[in-house]
Amino acid sequence: MATFIAAAIQMRSSTDVLRNAALFENAVRDAVANGATYVQTPEMTGALVRDKAALRASLLPEESDAIALAAARLAGELGIHLHVGSTAIARTDGKVANRAFLFGPDGGRIATYDKIHMFDVDLDRGESWRESATYEPGTEAVVADLPFAKLGFAVCYDLRFPQLFRAEAMAGAEVLTVPAAFTRQTGEAHWHALLRARAIENGAWVIAAAQGGLHEDGRETFGHSLVVDPWGRIIAELNSDEPGILYAEIDTAAVAEARKKIPNLKNARDFKVATVTPVAERLRAAS
């Protein structure tokens, strides 16, 4: 059991990676100056670029990426665990990853996670997204065993797939992370409910750093970075779409307490699904 101060940085990333990297560094330094030892940034910390050609032209491999390099340097200099929610990375096979990074107090990379579920949707008012046209989905869930907590990874649209979070909780995750760039339309409808549900059903903390506001590439994101405790209570929120830093004290003892009260991880059972057709329907189909 451990207690630590977490910071979730809410950003409004532009299309300029170097400009975002400078804002990212300033925010991380501010968070640490206010006591944070674990800092999380949102999805696409590096840049939000809707134009596919422009995005691909700006991509670099992990070892040259400005955000990854800055994060490693900052984590080592400040002696913290620094979680880049994600940034776009050029893979060695020519494809693109929406990749999260976690760096430790020595500046070393502890883990990476590639977003598994692609946001391929058609929303109201003509809003449409096809992430699979740009990004290669990840294939592996990740849990990092840190000195203060076991940390499970996810990115944005992954939030709608509870099986990912259940698998991480079953692997021991006490803190589930959901850095995101939720659209305003979907965020207003579902953001709070989904984050609380993932916390409740897994008896785990949820930390979600978000993008917020009207971005340079024309999209609007919801903001409202949140921290939810293992009982489903929102204990901290940036109640707007403005850039800022959210702080929360995380006590992993609350995980054991919630899972003792409602041991659904232990009580889960395998089952089959039976599809039943009424007799009248079967007779009609046979005639």
C-alpha atoms as a PDB file:
ATOM      1  CA  MET A   1       0.000   0.000   0.000  1.00  0.00           C
ATOM      2  CA  ALA A   2       1.276   3.475  -0.861  1.00  0.00           C
ATOM      3  CA  THR A   3       0.202   7.094  -1.109  1.00  0.00           C
ATOM      4  CA  PHE A   4       1.379   9.487  -3.809  1.00  0.00           C
ATOM      5  CA  ILE A   5       0.451  12.798  -5.421  1.00  0.00           C
ATOM      6  CA  ALA A   6      -0.701  12.490  -9.018  1.00  0.00           C
ATOM      7  CA  ALA A   7      -1.001  15.348 -11.484  1.00  0.00           C
ATOM      8  CA  ALA A   8      -3.077  15.240 -14.669  1.00  0.00           C
ATOM      9  CA  ILE A   9      -2.104  17.917 -17.180  1.00  0.00           C
ATOM     10  CA  GLN A  10      -4.928  19.213 -19.375  1.00  0.00           C
ATOM     11  CA  MET A  11      -3.663  20.558 -22.703  1.00  0.00           C
ATOM     12  CA  ARG A  12      -4.905  22.173 -25.888  1.00  0.00           C
ATOM     13  CA  SER A  13      -2.292  20.775 -28.233  1.00  0.00           C
ATOM     14  CA  SER A  14      -1.718  22.622 -31.495  1.00  0.00           C
ATOM     15  CA  THR A  15      -0.297  21.259 -34.759  1.00  0.00           C
ATOM     16  CA  ASP A  16       3.212  22.418 -33.768  1.00  0.00           C
ATOM     17  CA  VAL A  17       5.138  19.691 -31.935  1.00  0.00           C
ATOM     18  CA  LEU A  18       7.903  21.971 -30.656  1.00  0.00           C
ATOM     19  CA  ARG A  19       5.398  24.509 -29.313  1.00  0.00           C
ATOM     20  CA  ASN A  20       3.522  21.708 -27.548  1.00  0.00           C
ATOM     21  CA  ALA A  21       6.770  20.285 -26.181  1.00  0.00           C
ATOM     22  CA  ALA A  22       7.595  23.634 -24.565  1.00  0.00           C
ATOM     23  CA  LEU A  23       4.122  23.893 -22.997  1.00  0.00           C
ATOM     24  CA  PHE A  24       4.397  20.276 -21.861  1.00  0.00           C
ATOM     25  CA  GLU A  25       7.735  20.922 -20.156  1.00  0.00           C
ATOM     26  CA  ASN A  26       6.479  24.019 -18.345  1.00  0.00           C
ATOM     27  CA  ALA A  27       3.409  22.182 -17.096  1.00  0.00           C
ATOM     28  CA  VAL A  28       5.419  19.197 -15.864  1.00  0.00           C
ATOM     29  CA  ARG A  29       7.750  21.497 -13.951  1.00  0.00           C
ATOM     30  CA  ASP A  30       4.779  23.285 -12.386  1.00  0.00           C
ATOM     31  CA  ALA A  31       3.213  19.962 -11.375  1.00  0.00           C
ATOM     32  CA  VAL A  32       6.383  18.764  -9.673  1.00  0.00           C
ATOM     33  CA  ALA A  33       6.851  22.121  -7.932  1.00  0.00           C
ATOM     34  CA  ASN A  34       3.413  21.512  -6.413  1.00  0.00           C
ATOM     35  CA  GLY A  35       4.339  18.085  -5.082  1.00  0.00           C
ATOM     36  CA  ALA A  36       3.430  15.630  -7.839  1.00  0.00           C
ATOM     37  CA  THR A  37       5.570  12.516  -8.164  1.00  0.00           C
ATOM     38  CA  TYR A  38       3.480  10.932 -10.934  1.00  0.00           C
ATOM     39  CA  VAL A  39       2.501  13.180 -13.842  1.00  0.00           C
ATOM     40  CA  GLN A  40       0.185  12.208 -16.714  1.00  0.00           C
ATOM     41  CA  THR A  41      -0.458  14.118 -19.938  1.00  0.00           C
ATOM     42  CA  PRO A  42      -3.318  13.611 -22.431  1.00  0.00           C
ATOM     43  CA  GLU A  43      -3.590  11.675 -25.653  1.00  0.00           C
ATOM     44  CA  MET A  44      -1.688  13.305 -28.529  1.00  0.00           C
ATOM     45  CA  THR A  45       0.467  15.466 -26.273  1.00  0.00           C
ATOM     46  CA  GLY A  46       2.800  16.039 -29.213  1.00  0.00           C
ATOM     47  CA  ALA A  47       0.266  17.428 -31.688  1.00  0.00           C
ATOM     48  CA  LEU A  48      -3.320  17.201 -32.858  1.00  0.00           C
ATOM     49  CA  VAL A  49      -3.155  17.161 -36.653  1.00  0.00           C
ATOM     50  CA  ARG A  50      -6.269  16.159 -38.576  1.00  0.00           C
ATOM     51  CA  ASP A  51      -4.616  16.358 -42.020  1.00  0.00           C
ATOM     52  CA  LYS A  52      -3.099  12.907 -42.632  1.00  0.00           C
ATOM     53  CA  ALA A  53      -0.398  14.094 -45.028  1.00  0.00           C
ATOM     54  CA  ALA A  54       0.735  16.833 -42.650  1.00  0.00           C
ATOM     55  CA  LEU A  55       0.777  14.388 -39.752  1.00  0.00           C
ATOM     56  CA  ARG A  56       2.888  11.854 -41.599  1.00  0.00           C
ATOM     57  CA  ALA A  57       5.298  14.560 -42.722  1.00  0.00           C
ATOM     58  CA  SER A  58       5.888  15.567 -39.101  1.00  0.00           C
ATOM     59  CA  LEU A  59       6.434  12.079 -37.691  1.00  0.00           C
ATOM     60  CA  LEU A  60       9.680  10.832 -36.223  1.00  0.00           C
ATOM     61  CA  PRO A  61      10.716   7.484 -34.742  1.00  0.00           C
ATOM     62  CA  GLU A  62      10.613   7.086 -30.982  1.00  0.00           C
ATOM     63  CA  GLU A  63      14.338   7.734 -30.475  1.00  0.00           C
ATOM     64  CA  SER A  64      14.052  11.137 -32.209  1.00  0.00           C
ATOM     65  CA  ASP A  65      10.587  12.257 -31.078  1.00  0.00           C
ATOM     66  CA  ALA A  66      10.647  15.630 -29.305  1.00  0.00           C
ATOM     67  CA  ILE A  67       8.046  14.658 -26.691  1.00  0.00           C
ATOM     68  CA  ALA A  68       9.650  11.315 -25.833  1.00  0.00           C
ATOM     69  CA  LEU A  69      13.094  12.914 -25.563  1.00  0.00           C
ATOM     70  CA  ALA A  70      11.788  15.756 -23.377  1.00  0.00           C
ATOM     71  CA  ALA A  71       9.875  13.334 -21.159  1.00  0.00           C
ATOM     72  CA  ALA A  72      12.912  11.137 -20.551  1.00  0.00           C
ATOM     73  CA  ARG A  73      15.033  14.175 -19.709  1.00  0.00           C
ATOM     74  CA  LEU A  74      12.422  15.682 -17.389  1.00  0.00           C
ATOM     75  CA  ALA A  75      11.696  12.428 -15.557  1.00  0.00           C
ATOM     76  CA  GLY A  76      15.399  11.983 -14.827  1.00  0.00           C
ATOM     77  CA  GLU A  77      16.033  15.590 -13.893  1.00  0.00           C
ATOM     78  CA  LEU A  78      12.982  15.894 -11.628  1.00  0.00           C
ATOM     79  CA  GLY A  79      13.078  12.350 -10.227  1.00  0.00           C
ATOM     80  CA  ILE A  80       9.467  11.501 -11.112  1.00  0.00           C
ATOM     81  CA  HIS A  81       7.378   8.982 -13.004  1.00  0.00           C
ATOM     82  CA  LEU A  82       6.232  10.788 -16.142  1.00  0.00           C
ATOM     83  CA  HIS A  83       3.451   9.292 -18.250  1.00  0.00           C
ATOM     84  CA  VAL A  84       3.023  10.775 -21.716  1.00  0.00           C
ATOM     85  CA  GLY A  85      -0.607   9.934 -22.465  1.00  0.00           C
ATOM     86  CA  SER A  86       0.285   9.395 -26.095  1.00  0.00           C
ATOM     87  CA  THR A  87       1.895  10.917 -29.134  1.00  0.00           C
ATOM     88  CA  ALA A  88       2.097   9.880 -32.781  1.00  0.00           C
ATOM     89  CA  ILE A  89       5.207   7.818 -33.526  1.00  0.00           C
ATOM     90  CA  ALA A  90       6.639   6.557 -36.815  1.00  0.00           C
ATOM     91  CA  ARG A  91       7.068   2.788 -36.515  1.00  0.00           C
ATOM     92  CA  THR A  92       9.996   0.980 -38.107  1.00  0.00           C
ATOM     93  CA  ASP A  93       7.597  -0.807 -40.490  1.00  0.00           C
ATOM     94  CA  GLY A  94       6.368   2.482 -41.962  1.00  0.00           C
ATOM     95  CA  LYS A  95       3.112   2.491 -40.008  1.00  0.00           C
ATOM     96  CA  VAL A  96       2.027   4.965 -37.316  1.00  0.00           C
ATOM     97  CA  ALA A  97       1.457   4.216 -33.622  1.00  0.00           C
ATOM     98  CA  ASN A  98      -0.636   6.202 -31.158  1.00  0.00           C
ATOM     99  CA  ARG A  99       1.846   5.464 -28.371  1.00  0.00           C
ATOM    100  CA  ALA A 100       1.928   6.133 -24.634  1.00  0.00           C
ATOM    101  CA  PHE A 101       5.210   6.304 -22.714  1.00  0.00           C
ATOM    102  CA  LEU A 102       6.129   5.927 -19.074  1.00  0.00           C
ATOM    103  CA  PHE A 103       9.545   7.155 -17.912  1.00  0.00           C
ATOM    104  CA  GLY A 104      11.009   6.612 -14.455  1.00  0.00           C
ATOM    105  CA  PRO A 105      13.024   8.773 -12.040  1.00  0.00           C
ATOM    106  CA  ASP A 106      16.281   7.686 -13.671  1.00  0.00           C
ATOM    107  CA  GLY A 107      15.062   8.896 -17.051  1.00  0.00           C
ATOM    108  CA  GLY A 108      14.738   5.369 -18.370  1.00  0.00           C
ATOM    109  CA  ARG A 109      11.750   4.183 -20.328  1.00  0.00           C
ATOM    110  CA  ILE A 110       9.682   1.793 -18.205  1.00  0.00           C
ATOM    111  CA  ALA A 111       6.879   0.983 -20.630  1.00  0.00           C
ATOM    112  CA  THR A 112       5.113   1.866 -23.851  1.00  0.00           C
ATOM    113  CA  TYR A 113       1.539   1.159 -24.850  1.00  0.00           C
ATOM    114  CA  ASP A 114       0.029   1.441 -28.328  1.00  0.00           C
ATOM    115  CA  LYS A 115      -3.666   2.336 -28.400  1.00  0.00           C
ATOM    116  CA  ILE A 116      -5.636  -0.828 -29.196  1.00  0.00           C
ATOM    117  CA  HIS A 117      -9.085   0.424 -30.193  1.00  0.00           C
ATOM    118  CA  MET A 118      -9.360   2.759 -33.177  1.00  0.00           C
ATOM    119  CA  PHE A 119     -11.916   5.589 -33.094  1.00  0.00           C
ATOM    120  CA  ASP A 120     -13.832   4.772 -36.277  1.00  0.00           C
ATOM    121  CA  VAL A 121     -17.208   6.438 -35.770  1.00  0.00           C
ATOM    122  CA  ASP A 122     -19.945   8.493 -37.448  1.00  0.00           C
ATOM    123  CA  LEU A 123     -21.496  10.913 -34.977  1.00  0.00           C
ATOM    124  CA  ASP A 124     -24.336  13.407 -35.195  1.00  0.00           C
ATOM    125  CA  ARG A 125     -23.965  16.690 -37.077  1.00  0.00           C
ATOM    126  CA  GLY A 126     -21.675  15.081 -39.660  1.00  0.00           C
ATOM    127  CA  GLU A 127     -18.758  14.497 -37.291  1.00  0.00           C
ATOM    128  CA  SER A 128     -16.837  11.456 -38.530  1.00  0.00           C
ATOM    129  CA  TRP A 129     -13.484   9.909 -37.569  1.00  0.00           C
ATOM    130  CA  ARG A 130     -11.416   7.046 -39.002  1.00  0.00           C
ATOM    131  CA  GLU A 131      -8.327   6.509 -36.856  1.00  0.00           C
ATOM    132  CA  SER A 132      -7.658   3.170 -38.531  1.00  0.00           C
ATOM    133  CA  ALA A 133      -6.885   5.062 -41.763  1.00  0.00           C
ATOM    134  CA  THR A 134      -3.791   6.494 -40.045  1.00  0.00           C
ATOM    135  CA  TYR A 135      -2.836   4.383 -37.041  1.00  0.00           C
ATOM    136  CA  GLU A 136      -1.917   0.754 -36.579  1.00  0.00           C
ATOM    137  CA  PRO A 137      -3.737  -0.610 -33.514  1.00  0.00           C
ATOM    138  CA  GLY A 138      -1.765  -2.084 -30.651  1.00  0.00           C
ATOM    139  CA  THR A 139      -2.165  -5.716 -29.681  1.00  0.00           C
ATOM    140  CA  GLU A 140      -1.000  -5.854 -26.059  1.00  0.00           C
ATOM    141  CA  ALA A 141      -2.397  -4.566 -22.778  1.00  0.00           C
ATOM    142  CA  VAL A 142       0.242  -3.247 -20.368  1.00  0.00           C
ATOM    143  CA  VAL A 143       0.492  -3.118 -16.566  1.00  0.00           C
ATOM    144  CA  ALA A 144       3.560  -1.461 -15.024  1.00  0.00           C
ATOM    145  CA  ASP A 145       4.561  -2.603 -11.526  1.00  0.00           C
ATOM    146  CA  LEU A 146       5.791   0.639  -9.969  1.00  0.00           C
ATOM    147  CA  PRO A 147       7.063   1.259  -6.406  1.00  0.00           C
ATOM    148  CA  PHE A 148       3.819   3.045  -5.476  1.00  0.00           C
ATOM    149  CA  ALA A 149       1.175   1.231  -7.551  1.00  0.00           C
ATOM    150  CA  LYS A 150       0.477  -1.171 -10.379  1.00  0.00           C
ATOM    151  CA  LEU A 151      -0.506   1.012 -13.319  1.00  0.00           C
ATOM    152  CA  GLY A 152      -2.717  -0.093 -16.210  1.00  0.00           C
ATOM    153  CA  PHE A 153      -2.632   1.664 -19.578  1.00  0.00           C
ATOM    154  CA  ALA A 154      -5.336   2.771 -22.004  1.00  0.00           C
ATOM    155  CA  VAL A 155      -5.870   5.655 -24.412  1.00  0.00           C
ATOM    156  CA  CYS A 156      -9.134   7.528 -25.079  1.00  0.00           C
ATOM    157  CA  TYR A 157     -11.506   5.289 -27.122  1.00  0.00           C
ATOM    158  CA  ASP A 158     -10.159   2.278 -25.209  1.00  0.00           C
ATOM    159  CA  LEU A 159     -12.400   3.581 -22.402  1.00  0.00           C
ATOM    160  CA  ARG A 160     -15.436   2.065 -24.136  1.00  0.00           C
ATOM    161  CA  PHE A 161     -14.032  -1.475 -23.959  1.00  0.00           C
ATOM    162  CA  PRO A 162     -14.372  -2.690 -20.362  1.00  0.00           C
ATOM    163  CA  GLN A 163     -12.682  -6.010 -21.124  1.00  0.00           C
ATOM    164  CA  LEU A 164      -9.340  -4.180 -21.444  1.00  0.00           C
ATOM    165  CA  PHE A 165      -9.628  -2.684 -17.968  1.00  0.00           C
ATOM    166  CA  ARG A 166     -10.886  -5.926 -16.470  1.00  0.00           C
ATOM    167  CA  ALA A 167      -7.875  -7.783 -17.889  1.00  0.00           C
ATOM    168  CA  GLU A 168      -5.523  -5.196 -16.401  1.00  0.00           C
ATOM    169  CA  ALA A 169      -7.292  -5.300 -13.032  1.00  0.00           C
ATOM    170  CA  MET A 170      -7.093  -9.098 -13.025  1.00  0.00           C
ATOM    171  CA  ALA A 171      -3.349  -8.699 -13.680  1.00  0.00           C
ATOM    172  CA  GLY A 172      -3.115  -6.577 -10.529  1.00  0.00           C
ATOM    173  CA  ALA A 173      -3.619  -3.014 -11.755  1.00  0.00           C
ATOM    174  CA  GLU A 174      -4.627  -0.667  -8.935  1.00  0.00           C
ATOM    175  CA  VAL A 175      -4.574   2.540 -10.998  1.00  0.00           C
ATOM    176  CA  LEU A 176      -6.164   2.606 -14.458  1.00  0.00           C
ATOM    177  CA  THR A 177      -5.115   5.438 -16.747  1.00  0.00           C
ATOM    178  CA  VAL A 178      -7.182   6.982 -19.541  1.00  0.00           C
ATOM    179  CA  PRO A 179      -5.365   9.912 -21.162  1.00  0.00           C
ATOM    180  CA  ALA A 180      -7.734  11.174 -23.831  1.00  0.00           C
ATOM    181  CA  ALA A 181      -8.774  13.630 -26.519  1.00  0.00           C
ATOM    182  CA  PHE A 182     -12.511  12.967 -26.201  1.00  0.00           C
ATOM    183  CA  THR A 183     -14.609  14.968 -28.645  1.00  0.00           C
ATOM    184  CA  ARG A 184     -16.921  17.546 -27.118  1.00  0.00           C
ATOM    185  CA  GLN A 185     -19.972  15.670 -28.428  1.00  0.00           C
ATOM    186  CA  THR A 186     -19.042  12.306 -26.925  1.00  0.00           C
ATOM    187  CA  GLY A 187     -17.508  13.816 -23.815  1.00  0.00           C
ATOM    188  CA  GLU A 188     -20.656  15.703 -22.872  1.00  0.00           C
ATOM    189  CA  ALA A 189     -22.652  12.491 -23.225  1.00  0.00           C
ATOM    190  CA  HIS A 190     -20.403   9.787 -21.772  1.00  0.00           C
ATOM    191  CA  TRP A 191     -17.060  10.911 -20.284  1.00  0.00           C
ATOM    192  CA  HIS A 192     -17.983  11.023 -16.601  1.00  0.00           C
ATOM    193  CA  ALA A 193     -20.198   7.931 -16.702  1.00  0.00           C
ATOM    194  CA  LEU A 194     -17.614   5.748 -18.434  1.00  0.00           C
ATOM    195  CA  LEU A 195     -14.722   6.764 -16.191  1.00  0.00           C
ATOM    196  CA  ARG A 196     -16.788   6.146 -13.058  1.00  0.00           C
ATOM    197  CA  ALA A 197     -17.943   2.788 -14.416  1.00  0.00           C
ATOM    198  CA  ARG A 198     -14.393   1.595 -15.090  1.00  0.00           C
ATOM    199  CA  ALA A 199     -13.408   2.564 -11.527  1.00  0.00           C
ATOM    200  CA  ILE A 200     -16.444   0.920  -9.907  1.00  0.00           C
ATOM    201  CA  GLU A 201     -16.389  -2.351 -11.816  1.00  0.00           C
ATOM    202  CA  ASN A 202     -12.667  -2.871 -11.158  1.00  0.00           C
ATOM    203  CA  GLY A 203     -12.336  -1.358  -7.680  1.00  0.00           C
ATOM    204  CA  ALA A 204      -9.502   0.789  -9.005  1.00  0.00           C
ATOM    205  CA  TRP A 205      -8.383   4.393  -9.184  1.00  0.00           C
ATOM    206  CA  VAL A 206      -8.839   6.051 -12.574  1.00  0.00           C
ATOM    207  CA  ILE A 207      -6.695   8.985 -13.690  1.00  0.00           C
ATOM    208  CA  ALA A 208      -7.668  10.687 -16.941  1.00  0.00           C
ATOM    209  CA  ALA A 209      -5.754  13.664 -18.337  1.00  0.00           C
ATOM    210  CA  ALA A 210      -7.639  15.238 -21.238  1.00  0.00           C
ATOM    211  CA  GLN A 211      -7.288  17.568 -24.188  1.00  0.00           C
ATOM    212  CA  GLY A 212      -9.708  20.490 -24.043  1.00  0.00           C
ATOM    213  CA  GLY A 213     -11.086  23.281 -26.197  1.00  0.00           C
ATOM    214  CA  LEU A 214     -10.997  24.363 -29.839  1.00  0.00           C
ATOM    215  CA  HIS A 215      -7.777  23.154 -31.451  1.00  0.00           C
ATOM    216  CA  GLU A 216      -5.746  24.593 -34.275  1.00  0.00           C
ATOM    217  CA  ASP A 217      -6.773  21.741 -36.595  1.00  0.00           C
ATOM    218  CA  GLY A 218     -10.462  22.569 -36.082  1.00  0.00           C
ATOM    219  CA  ARG A 219     -11.534  19.830 -33.685  1.00  0.00           C
ATOM    220  CA  GLU A 220     -13.124  20.445 -30.290  1.00  0.00           C
ATOM    221  CA  THR A 221     -12.282  18.329 -27.266  1.00  0.00           C
ATOM    222  CA  PHE A 222     -14.165  18.078 -23.994  1.00  0.00           C
ATOM    223  CA  GLY A 223     -11.532  18.610 -21.292  1.00  0.00           C
ATOM    224  CA  HIS A 224     -12.754  17.797 -17.742  1.00  0.00           C
ATOM    225  CA  SER A 225      -9.686  15.856 -16.639  1.00  0.00           C
ATOM    226  CA  LEU A 226     -10.740  13.590 -13.777  1.00  0.00           C
ATOM    227  CA  VAL A 227      -9.562  11.420 -10.930  1.00  0.00           C
ATOM    228  CA  VAL A 228     -12.041   8.792  -9.705  1.00  0.00           C
ATOM    229  CA  ASP A 229     -11.544   6.671  -6.595  1.00  0.00           C
ATOM    230  CA  PRO A 230     -12.175   2.888  -6.407  1.00  0.00           C
ATOM    231  CA  TRP A 231     -15.702   3.465  -5.049  1.00  0.00           C
ATOM    232  CA  GLY A 232     -16.583   5.534  -8.120  1.00  0.00           C
ATOM    233  CA  ARG A 233     -16.413   8.959  -6.497  1.00  0.00           C
ATOM    234  CA  ILE A 234     -14.977  11.853  -8.495  1.00  0.00           C
ATOM    235  CA  ILE A 235     -12.400  13.257  -6.106  1.00  0.00           C
ATOM    236  CA  ALA A 236     -10.846  15.831  -8.441  1.00  0.00           C
ATOM    237  CA  GLU A 237     -11.895  17.465 -11.709  1.00  0.00           C
ATOM    238  CA  LEU A 238     -10.880  20.347 -13.945  1.00  0.00           C
ATOM    239  CA  ASN A 239     -14.419  21.514 -14.558  1.00  0.00           C
ATOM    240  CA  SER A 240     -13.779  23.147 -17.952  1.00  0.00           C
ATOM    241  CA  ASP A 241     -11.960  22.673 -21.249  1.00  0.00           C
ATOM    242  CA  GLU A 242      -9.195  25.147 -20.360  1.00  0.00           C
ATOM    243  CA  PRO A 243      -5.557  24.024 -20.016  1.00  0.00           C
ATOM    244  CA  GLY A 244      -4.539  23.411 -16.418  1.00  0.00           C
ATOM    245  CA  ILE A 245      -3.211  20.906 -13.904  1.00  0.00           C
ATOM    246  CA  LEU A 246      -5.323  18.631 -11.711  1.00  0.00           C
ATOM    247  CA  TYR A 247      -3.902  17.203  -8.471  1.00  0.00           C
ATOM    248  CA  ALA A 248      -5.055  14.297  -6.336  1.00  0.00           C
ATOM    249  CA  GLU A 249      -3.665  12.222  -3.496  1.00  0.00           C
ATOM    250  CA  ILE A 250      -3.864   8.555  -4.448  1.00  0.00           C
ATOM    251  CA  ASP A 251      -3.952   5.954  -1.669  1.00  0.00           C
ATOM    252  CA  THR A 252      -3.746   2.417  -2.993  1.00  0.00           C
ATOM    253  CA  ALA A 253      -5.158   1.091   0.286  1.00  0.00           C
ATOM    254  CA  ALA A 254      -8.529   2.228  -1.057  1.00  0.00           C
ATOM    255  CA  VAL A 255      -8.232  -0.402  -3.787  1.00  0.00           C
ATOM    256  CA  ALA A 256      -7.973  -3.276  -1.329  1.00  0.00           C
ATOM    257  CA  GLU A 257     -10.817  -1.787   0.700  1.00  0.00           C
ATOM    258  CA  ALA A 258     -13.157  -1.515  -2.309  1.00  0.00           C
ATOM    259  CA  ARG A 259     -12.295  -4.992  -3.574  1.00  0.00           C
ATOM    260  CA  LYS A 260     -12.883  -6.451  -0.108  1.00  0.00           C
ATOM    261  CA  LYS A 261     -16.355  -4.899   0.077  1.00  0.00           C
ATOM    262  CA  ILE A 262     -17.332  -6.005  -3.425  1.00  0.00           C
ATOM    263  CA  PRO A 263     -15.022  -8.830  -4.550  1.00  0.00           C
ATOM    264  CA  ASN A 264     -16.356  -9.016  -8.095  1.00  0.00           C
ATOM    265  CA  LEU A 265     -12.911  -9.716  -9.551  1.00  0.00           C
ATOM    266  CA  LYS A 266     -12.796 -12.890  -7.457  1.00  0.00           C
ATOM    267  CA  ASN A 267     -16.461 -13.737  -7.997  1.00  0.00           C
ATOM    268  CA  ALA A 268     -16.353 -13.545 -11.788  1.00  0.00           C
ATOM    269  CA  ARG A 269     -17.243 -16.796 -13.568  1.00  0.00           C
ATOM    270  CA  ASP A 270     -16.858 -18.039 -17.114  1.00  0.00           C
ATOM    271  CA  PHE A 271     -20.099 -18.587 -18.994  1.00  0.00           C
ATOM    272  CA  LYS A 272     -21.549 -19.289 -22.404  1.00  0.00           C
ATOM    273  CA  VAL A 273     -24.217 -17.322 -24.229  1.00  0.00           C
ATOM    274  CA  ALA A 274     -27.271 -19.277 -25.363  1.00  0.00           C
ATOM    275  CA  THR A 275     -29.394 -17.812 -28.149  1.00  0.00           C
ATOM    276  CA  VAL A 276     -32.995 -19.032 -27.863  1.00  0.00           C
ATOM    277  CA  THR A 277     -35.550 -18.920 -30.694  1.00  0.00           C
ATOM    278  CA  PRO A 278     -39.242 -19.212 -29.731  1.00  0.00           C
ATOM    279  CA  VAL A 279     -40.975 -22.393 -31.002  1.00  0.00           C
ATOM    280  CA  ALA A 280     -43.369 -20.415 -33.214  1.00  0.00           C
ATOM    281  CA  GLU A 281     -40.468 -18.716 -34.955  1.00  0.00           C
ATOM    282  CA  ARG A 282     -38.712 -22.035 -35.549  1.00  0.00           C
ATOM    283  CA  LEU A 283     -41.893 -23.499 -37.085  1.00  0.00           C
ATOM    284  CA  ARG A 284     -42.342 -20.495 -39.369  1.00  0.00           C
ATOM    285  CA  ALA A 285     -38.729 -20.713 -40.496  1.00  0.00           C
ATOM    286  CA  ALA A 286     -39.099 -24.428 -41.271  1.00  0.00           C
ATOM    287  CA  SER A 287     -42.335 -23.997 -43.282  1.00  0.00           C
END
